[in-house]
Amino acid sequence: MDNQTQSLDNLVSHFSSLPSIGRKTATRLVYHILRQSPEFAARFGQDLLTIHEKVIFCSNCFNFTEQDPCPICSNTERRSNSILVVEQPSDVALIERTKEFKGLYHVLHGVLNPLEGIGPEDLKIRDLISRLEGITEVIIALNPTVEGEVTAQYLAKMIKPLEIKVRKIASGIPMGHQLEFSDEATLARAIHGATEV
């Protein structure tokens, strides 16, 4: 960064290494922090340290938690015979906000990607298979990418012989979206997944 201190440049570099944050946004964030009180900066820094000290993986679902098992896995009011499989912990938070799913979760921490050397042993697939006793339904909720589709097919192939119902979340045209702005793959997926009205 031209004409700036090394401390500013270091913090801009840290912020810009985060997903979806470029150098311009990172610079704005750094200047925002500089305008705050030293107490704010101390709390901010402490919270960054605390998150690494306190947040762990749930030993059941591999979501982030501060207690093991996590509040979802230990909630006796949830349906214990249904597991929804997602890529990342952030997906659990997103689905929970919908209040539509009342079962349990399993976080894979990624998807299969042979080009990047990510195989089944790099994900929490073995852990998923080991917790399927008593499960009657697995819902796969992975991103609609090539890697997500490959992973979904792999999971279905592993789970179906166990006589467990395997479903995949619907994908297609988002609410409020016009057909003319949809690509062919999205339209095809939406038509294939059409449901009775």
C-alpha atoms as a PDB file:
ATOM      1  CA  MET A   1       0.000   0.000   0.000  1.00  0.00           C
ATOM      2  CA  ASP A   2       1.564   3.308  -1.066  1.00  0.00           C
ATOM      3  CA  ASN A   3       2.492   5.834   1.651  1.00  0.00           C
ATOM      4  CA  GLN A   4       0.885   3.753   4.409  1.00  0.00           C
ATOM      5  CA  THR A   5       2.343   2.214   7.541  1.00  0.00           C
ATOM      6  CA  GLN A   6       3.346  -1.434   7.670  1.00  0.00           C
ATOM      7  CA  SER A   7       0.654  -2.038  10.339  1.00  0.00           C
ATOM      8  CA  LEU A   8      -2.067  -0.768   8.014  1.00  0.00           C
ATOM      9  CA  ASP A   9      -0.734  -2.791   5.122  1.00  0.00           C
ATOM     10  CA  ASN A  10      -0.568  -5.963   7.243  1.00  0.00           C
ATOM     11  CA  LEU A  11      -4.179  -5.599   8.392  1.00  0.00           C
ATOM     12  CA  VAL A  12      -5.391  -4.826   4.858  1.00  0.00           C
ATOM     13  CA  SER A  13      -3.623  -7.999   3.695  1.00  0.00           C
ATOM     14  CA  HIS A  14      -5.357 -10.050   6.403  1.00  0.00           C
ATOM     15  CA  PHE A  15      -8.804  -8.684   5.580  1.00  0.00           C
ATOM     16  CA  SER A  16      -8.317  -9.056   1.819  1.00  0.00           C
ATOM     17  CA  SER A  17      -7.410 -12.734   2.313  1.00  0.00           C
ATOM     18  CA  LEU A  18     -10.988 -13.357   3.506  1.00  0.00           C
ATOM     19  CA  PRO A  19     -13.584 -14.637   1.005  1.00  0.00           C
ATOM     20  CA  SER A  20     -15.334 -11.948  -1.066  1.00  0.00           C
ATOM     21  CA  ILE A  21     -13.215  -9.104   0.334  1.00  0.00           C
ATOM     22  CA  GLY A  22     -10.939  -7.268  -2.079  1.00  0.00           C
ATOM     23  CA  ARG A  23      -8.242  -4.761  -1.174  1.00  0.00           C
ATOM     24  CA  LYS A  24     -10.596  -1.783  -1.513  1.00  0.00           C
ATOM     25  CA  THR A  25     -13.117  -3.214   0.960  1.00  0.00           C
ATOM     26  CA  ALA A  26     -10.277  -4.393   3.210  1.00  0.00           C
ATOM     27  CA  THR A  27      -8.856  -0.866   3.273  1.00  0.00           C
ATOM     28  CA  ARG A  28     -12.267   0.578   4.218  1.00  0.00           C
ATOM     29  CA  LEU A  29     -12.563  -1.956   7.048  1.00  0.00           C
ATOM     30  CA  VAL A  30      -9.106  -1.070   8.385  1.00  0.00           C
ATOM     31  CA  TYR A  31      -9.883   2.657   8.372  1.00  0.00           C
ATOM     32  CA  HIS A  32     -13.203   1.929  10.086  1.00  0.00           C
ATOM     33  CA  ILE A  33     -11.375   0.049  12.862  1.00  0.00           C
ATOM     34  CA  LEU A  34      -8.910   2.925  13.224  1.00  0.00           C
ATOM     35  CA  ARG A  35     -11.800   5.333  13.827  1.00  0.00           C
ATOM     36  CA  GLN A  36     -13.089   3.172  16.697  1.00  0.00           C
ATOM     37  CA  SER A  37     -11.964   3.306  20.312  1.00  0.00           C
ATOM     38  CA  PRO A  38      -8.996   1.255  21.537  1.00  0.00           C
ATOM     39  CA  GLU A  39     -11.531  -0.728  23.604  1.00  0.00           C
ATOM     40  CA  PHE A  40     -13.370  -1.724  20.414  1.00  0.00           C
ATOM     41  CA  ALA A  41     -10.113  -2.901  18.847  1.00  0.00           C
ATOM     42  CA  ALA A  42      -9.236  -4.854  22.007  1.00  0.00           C
ATOM     43  CA  ARG A  43     -12.654  -6.596  22.061  1.00  0.00           C
ATOM     44  CA  PHE A  44     -12.417  -7.298  18.330  1.00  0.00           C
ATOM     45  CA  GLY A  45      -8.976  -8.854  18.721  1.00  0.00           C
ATOM     46  CA  GLN A  46     -10.046 -10.832  21.789  1.00  0.00           C
ATOM     47  CA  ASP A  47     -13.085 -12.186  19.958  1.00  0.00           C
ATOM     48  CA  LEU A  48     -10.816 -13.387  17.133  1.00  0.00           C
ATOM     49  CA  LEU A  49      -8.656 -15.242  19.662  1.00  0.00           C
ATOM     50  CA  THR A  50     -11.647 -16.603  21.578  1.00  0.00           C
ATOM     51  CA  ILE A  51     -13.282 -18.097  18.498  1.00  0.00           C
ATOM     52  CA  HIS A  52     -10.238 -20.336  17.984  1.00  0.00           C
ATOM     53  CA  GLU A  53     -10.069 -21.269  21.654  1.00  0.00           C
ATOM     54  CA  LYS A  54     -13.767 -22.061  22.201  1.00  0.00           C
ATOM     55  CA  VAL A  55     -15.273 -23.151  18.882  1.00  0.00           C
ATOM     56  CA  ILE A  56     -14.871 -26.848  18.091  1.00  0.00           C
ATOM     57  CA  PHE A  57     -16.458 -29.430  15.798  1.00  0.00           C
ATOM     58  CA  CYS A  58     -19.485 -31.308  17.066  1.00  0.00           C
ATOM     59  CA  SER A  59     -18.414 -34.962  17.283  1.00  0.00           C
ATOM     60  CA  ASN A  60     -21.722 -36.040  15.688  1.00  0.00           C
ATOM     61  CA  CYS A  61     -22.489 -33.632  12.848  1.00  0.00           C
ATOM     62  CA  PHE A  62     -19.177 -31.699  12.509  1.00  0.00           C
ATOM     63  CA  ASN A  63     -20.890 -28.324  12.708  1.00  0.00           C
ATOM     64  CA  PHE A  64     -19.115 -25.568  14.635  1.00  0.00           C
ATOM     65  CA  THR A  65     -20.114 -25.425  18.286  1.00  0.00           C
ATOM     66  CA  GLU A  66     -18.952 -24.400  21.742  1.00  0.00           C
ATOM     67  CA  GLN A  67     -20.427 -27.528  23.343  1.00  0.00           C
ATOM     68  CA  ASP A  68     -20.205 -31.171  22.295  1.00  0.00           C
ATOM     69  CA  PRO A  69     -22.596 -32.446  21.127  1.00  0.00           C
ATOM     70  CA  CYS A  70     -23.902 -29.252  19.569  1.00  0.00           C
ATOM     71  CA  PRO A  71     -27.317 -27.770  20.547  1.00  0.00           C
ATOM     72  CA  ILE A  72     -28.954 -29.245  17.422  1.00  0.00           C
ATOM     73  CA  CYS A  73     -27.662 -32.794  17.978  1.00  0.00           C
ATOM     74  CA  SER A  74     -28.561 -32.696  21.660  1.00  0.00           C
ATOM     75  CA  ASN A  75     -32.074 -31.316  21.067  1.00  0.00           C
ATOM     76  CA  THR A  76     -34.433 -34.214  21.833  1.00  0.00           C
ATOM     77  CA  GLU A  77     -37.316 -32.479  20.039  1.00  0.00           C
ATOM     78  CA  ARG A  78     -35.639 -32.807  16.632  1.00  0.00           C
ATOM     79  CA  ARG A  79     -36.395 -35.780  14.350  1.00  0.00           C
ATOM     80  CA  SER A  80     -33.539 -38.181  15.023  1.00  0.00           C
ATOM     81  CA  ASN A  81     -34.277 -40.400  11.998  1.00  0.00           C
ATOM     82  CA  SER A  82     -33.571 -37.735   9.340  1.00  0.00           C
ATOM     83  CA  ILE A  83     -30.186 -36.248   8.395  1.00  0.00           C
ATOM     84  CA  LEU A  84     -29.644 -33.326   6.035  1.00  0.00           C
ATOM     85  CA  VAL A  85     -26.137 -33.305   4.504  1.00  0.00           C
ATOM     86  CA  VAL A  86     -24.465 -29.970   3.702  1.00  0.00           C
ATOM     87  CA  GLU A  87     -21.048 -28.797   2.517  1.00  0.00           C
ATOM     88  CA  GLN A  88     -20.150 -26.226   5.188  1.00  0.00           C
ATOM     89  CA  PRO A  89     -21.245 -25.112   8.676  1.00  0.00           C
ATOM     90  CA  SER A  90     -22.561 -21.862   7.170  1.00  0.00           C
ATOM     91  CA  ASP A  91     -25.116 -23.979   5.255  1.00  0.00           C
ATOM     92  CA  VAL A  92     -26.549 -25.266   8.552  1.00  0.00           C
ATOM     93  CA  ALA A  93     -27.088 -21.699   9.773  1.00  0.00           C
ATOM     94  CA  LEU A  94     -28.774 -20.761   6.495  1.00  0.00           C
ATOM     95  CA  ILE A  95     -31.148 -23.747   6.532  1.00  0.00           C
ATOM     96  CA  GLU A  96     -31.950 -23.264  10.231  1.00  0.00           C
ATOM     97  CA  ARG A  97     -33.119 -19.712   9.472  1.00  0.00           C
ATOM     98  CA  THR A  98     -35.820 -21.155   7.179  1.00  0.00           C
ATOM     99  CA  LYS A  99     -37.288 -23.138  10.131  1.00  0.00           C
ATOM    100  CA  GLU A 100     -38.314 -25.813   7.599  1.00  0.00           C
ATOM    101  CA  PHE A 101     -36.047 -28.702   8.601  1.00  0.00           C
ATOM    102  CA  LYS A 102     -36.559 -30.360  11.997  1.00  0.00           C
ATOM    103  CA  GLY A 103     -34.065 -33.235  11.757  1.00  0.00           C
ATOM    104  CA  LEU A 104     -30.304 -33.523  12.246  1.00  0.00           C
ATOM    105  CA  TYR A 105     -27.405 -32.331  10.094  1.00  0.00           C
ATOM    106  CA  HIS A 106     -24.104 -33.645   8.818  1.00  0.00           C
ATOM    107  CA  VAL A 107     -21.411 -31.271   7.540  1.00  0.00           C
ATOM    108  CA  LEU A 108     -19.039 -32.748   4.945  1.00  0.00           C
ATOM    109  CA  HIS A 109     -16.585 -29.806   5.014  1.00  0.00           C
ATOM    110  CA  GLY A 110     -16.331 -29.694   1.237  1.00  0.00           C
ATOM    111  CA  VAL A 111     -17.212 -31.726  -1.833  1.00  0.00           C
ATOM    112  CA  LEU A 112     -15.387 -34.264  -3.962  1.00  0.00           C
ATOM    113  CA  ASN A 113     -13.014 -32.595  -6.387  1.00  0.00           C
ATOM    114  CA  PRO A 114     -10.466 -34.956  -7.985  1.00  0.00           C
ATOM    115  CA  LEU A 115      -8.836 -32.079  -9.905  1.00  0.00           C
ATOM    116  CA  GLU A 116      -7.875 -30.493  -6.588  1.00  0.00           C
ATOM    117  CA  GLY A 117      -7.048 -33.821  -4.971  1.00  0.00           C
ATOM    118  CA  ILE A 118     -10.099 -33.890  -2.697  1.00  0.00           C
ATOM    119  CA  GLY A 119     -11.342 -37.460  -2.321  1.00  0.00           C
ATOM    120  CA  PRO A 120     -13.812 -39.197   0.014  1.00  0.00           C
ATOM    121  CA  GLU A 121     -11.148 -39.591   2.706  1.00  0.00           C
ATOM    122  CA  ASP A 122     -10.731 -35.779   2.853  1.00  0.00           C
ATOM    123  CA  LEU A 123     -14.387 -35.234   3.749  1.00  0.00           C
ATOM    124  CA  LYS A 124     -16.605 -36.385   6.637  1.00  0.00           C
ATOM    125  CA  ILE A 125     -18.212 -39.122   4.511  1.00  0.00           C
ATOM    126  CA  ARG A 126     -17.045 -42.087   6.600  1.00  0.00           C
ATOM    127  CA  ASP A 127     -18.411 -40.308   9.684  1.00  0.00           C
ATOM    128  CA  LEU A 128     -21.776 -39.882   7.950  1.00  0.00           C
ATOM    129  CA  ILE A 129     -21.995 -43.566   7.042  1.00  0.00           C
ATOM    130  CA  SER A 130     -21.115 -44.565  10.609  1.00  0.00           C
ATOM    131  CA  ARG A 131     -24.054 -42.617  12.069  1.00  0.00           C
ATOM    132  CA  LEU A 132     -26.801 -43.995   9.816  1.00  0.00           C
ATOM    133  CA  GLU A 133     -28.133 -46.655  12.206  1.00  0.00           C
ATOM    134  CA  GLY A 134     -31.774 -45.812  12.905  1.00  0.00           C
ATOM    135  CA  ILE A 135     -31.841 -43.212  10.104  1.00  0.00           C
ATOM    136  CA  THR A 136     -34.705 -43.592   7.618  1.00  0.00           C
ATOM    137  CA  GLU A 137     -34.007 -40.568   5.406  1.00  0.00           C
ATOM    138  CA  VAL A 138     -30.942 -38.658   4.178  1.00  0.00           C
ATOM    139  CA  ILE A 139     -31.509 -35.367   2.374  1.00  0.00           C
ATOM    140  CA  ILE A 140     -28.556 -34.102   0.348  1.00  0.00           C
ATOM    141  CA  ALA A 141     -28.354 -30.302   0.235  1.00  0.00           C
ATOM    142  CA  LEU A 142     -25.148 -29.556  -1.655  1.00  0.00           C
ATOM    143  CA  ASN A 143     -24.496 -26.620  -3.953  1.00  0.00           C
ATOM    144  CA  PRO A 144     -25.675 -27.248  -7.547  1.00  0.00           C
ATOM    145  CA  THR A 145     -22.155 -27.405  -8.995  1.00  0.00           C
ATOM    146  CA  VAL A 146     -20.487 -30.231 -10.908  1.00  0.00           C
ATOM    147  CA  GLU A 147     -18.582 -31.160  -7.741  1.00  0.00           C
ATOM    148  CA  GLY A 148     -21.769 -30.986  -5.665  1.00  0.00           C
ATOM    149  CA  GLU A 149     -23.600 -33.259  -8.114  1.00  0.00           C
ATOM    150  CA  VAL A 150     -20.723 -35.767  -8.166  1.00  0.00           C
ATOM    151  CA  THR A 151     -20.656 -35.797  -4.360  1.00  0.00           C
ATOM    152  CA  ALA A 152     -24.441 -36.247  -4.179  1.00  0.00           C
ATOM    153  CA  GLN A 153     -24.261 -39.211  -6.555  1.00  0.00           C
ATOM    154  CA  TYR A 154     -21.397 -40.739  -4.575  1.00  0.00           C
ATOM    155  CA  LEU A 155     -23.326 -40.387  -1.302  1.00  0.00           C
ATOM    156  CA  ALA A 156     -26.488 -41.878  -2.816  1.00  0.00           C
ATOM    157  CA  LYS A 157     -24.495 -44.856  -4.105  1.00  0.00           C
ATOM    158  CA  MET A 158     -23.076 -45.430  -0.596  1.00  0.00           C
ATOM    159  CA  ILE A 159     -26.365 -44.950   1.297  1.00  0.00           C
ATOM    160  CA  LYS A 160     -29.056 -46.591  -0.877  1.00  0.00           C
ATOM    161  CA  PRO A 161     -27.817 -50.181  -0.275  1.00  0.00           C
ATOM    162  CA  LEU A 162     -28.510 -49.559   3.436  1.00  0.00           C
ATOM    163  CA  GLU A 163     -32.227 -49.273   2.531  1.00  0.00           C
ATOM    164  CA  ILE A 164     -32.347 -45.633   3.584  1.00  0.00           C
ATOM    165  CA  LYS A 165     -34.397 -43.163   1.557  1.00  0.00           C
ATOM    166  CA  VAL A 166     -32.061 -40.657  -0.145  1.00  0.00           C
ATOM    167  CA  ARG A 167     -33.436 -37.363  -1.436  1.00  0.00           C
ATOM    168  CA  LYS A 168     -31.852 -34.240  -2.857  1.00  0.00           C
ATOM    169  CA  ILE A 169     -33.149 -30.718  -2.301  1.00  0.00           C
ATOM    170  CA  ALA A 170     -34.951 -29.237  -5.278  1.00  0.00           C
ATOM    171  CA  SER A 171     -33.127 -26.762  -7.462  1.00  0.00           C
ATOM    172  CA  GLY A 172     -34.276 -24.573 -10.275  1.00  0.00           C
ATOM    173  CA  ILE A 173     -35.890 -21.172 -10.743  1.00  0.00           C
ATOM    174  CA  PRO A 174     -35.680 -18.920  -7.663  1.00  0.00           C
ATOM    175  CA  MET A 175     -38.833 -17.167  -6.413  1.00  0.00           C
ATOM    176  CA  GLY A 176     -39.380 -13.866  -8.209  1.00  0.00           C
ATOM    177  CA  HIS A 177     -36.986 -14.762 -11.033  1.00  0.00           C
ATOM    178  CA  GLN A 178     -38.107 -14.467 -14.661  1.00  0.00           C
ATOM    179  CA  LEU A 179     -37.721 -17.453 -16.977  1.00  0.00           C
ATOM    180  CA  GLU A 180     -36.078 -15.402 -19.719  1.00  0.00           C
ATOM    181  CA  PHE A 181     -33.104 -14.697 -17.440  1.00  0.00           C
ATOM    182  CA  SER A 182     -32.509 -18.370 -16.563  1.00  0.00           C
ATOM    183  CA  ASP A 183     -29.833 -20.447 -18.255  1.00  0.00           C
ATOM    184  CA  GLU A 184     -30.684 -23.763 -19.939  1.00  0.00           C
ATOM    185  CA  ALA A 185     -29.191 -25.932 -17.179  1.00  0.00           C
ATOM    186  CA  THR A 186     -31.278 -24.198 -14.495  1.00  0.00           C
ATOM    187  CA  LEU A 187     -34.434 -24.480 -16.605  1.00  0.00           C
ATOM    188  CA  ALA A 188     -33.767 -28.158 -17.319  1.00  0.00           C
ATOM    189  CA  ARG A 189     -33.253 -28.854 -13.609  1.00  0.00           C
ATOM    190  CA  ALA A 190     -36.452 -26.988 -12.756  1.00  0.00           C
ATOM    191  CA  ILE A 191     -38.481 -28.912 -15.353  1.00  0.00           C
ATOM    192  CA  HIS A 192     -37.014 -32.245 -14.224  1.00  0.00           C
ATOM    193  CA  GLY A 193     -37.883 -31.444 -10.605  1.00  0.00           C
ATOM    194  CA  ALA A 194     -41.430 -30.263 -11.341  1.00  0.00           C
ATOM    195  CA  THR A 195     -43.892 -31.185  -8.593  1.00  0.00           C
ATOM    196  CA  GLU A 196     -47.644 -31.657  -8.524  1.00  0.00           C
ATOM    197  CA  VAL A 197     -49.694 -28.517  -7.839  1.00  0.00           C
END
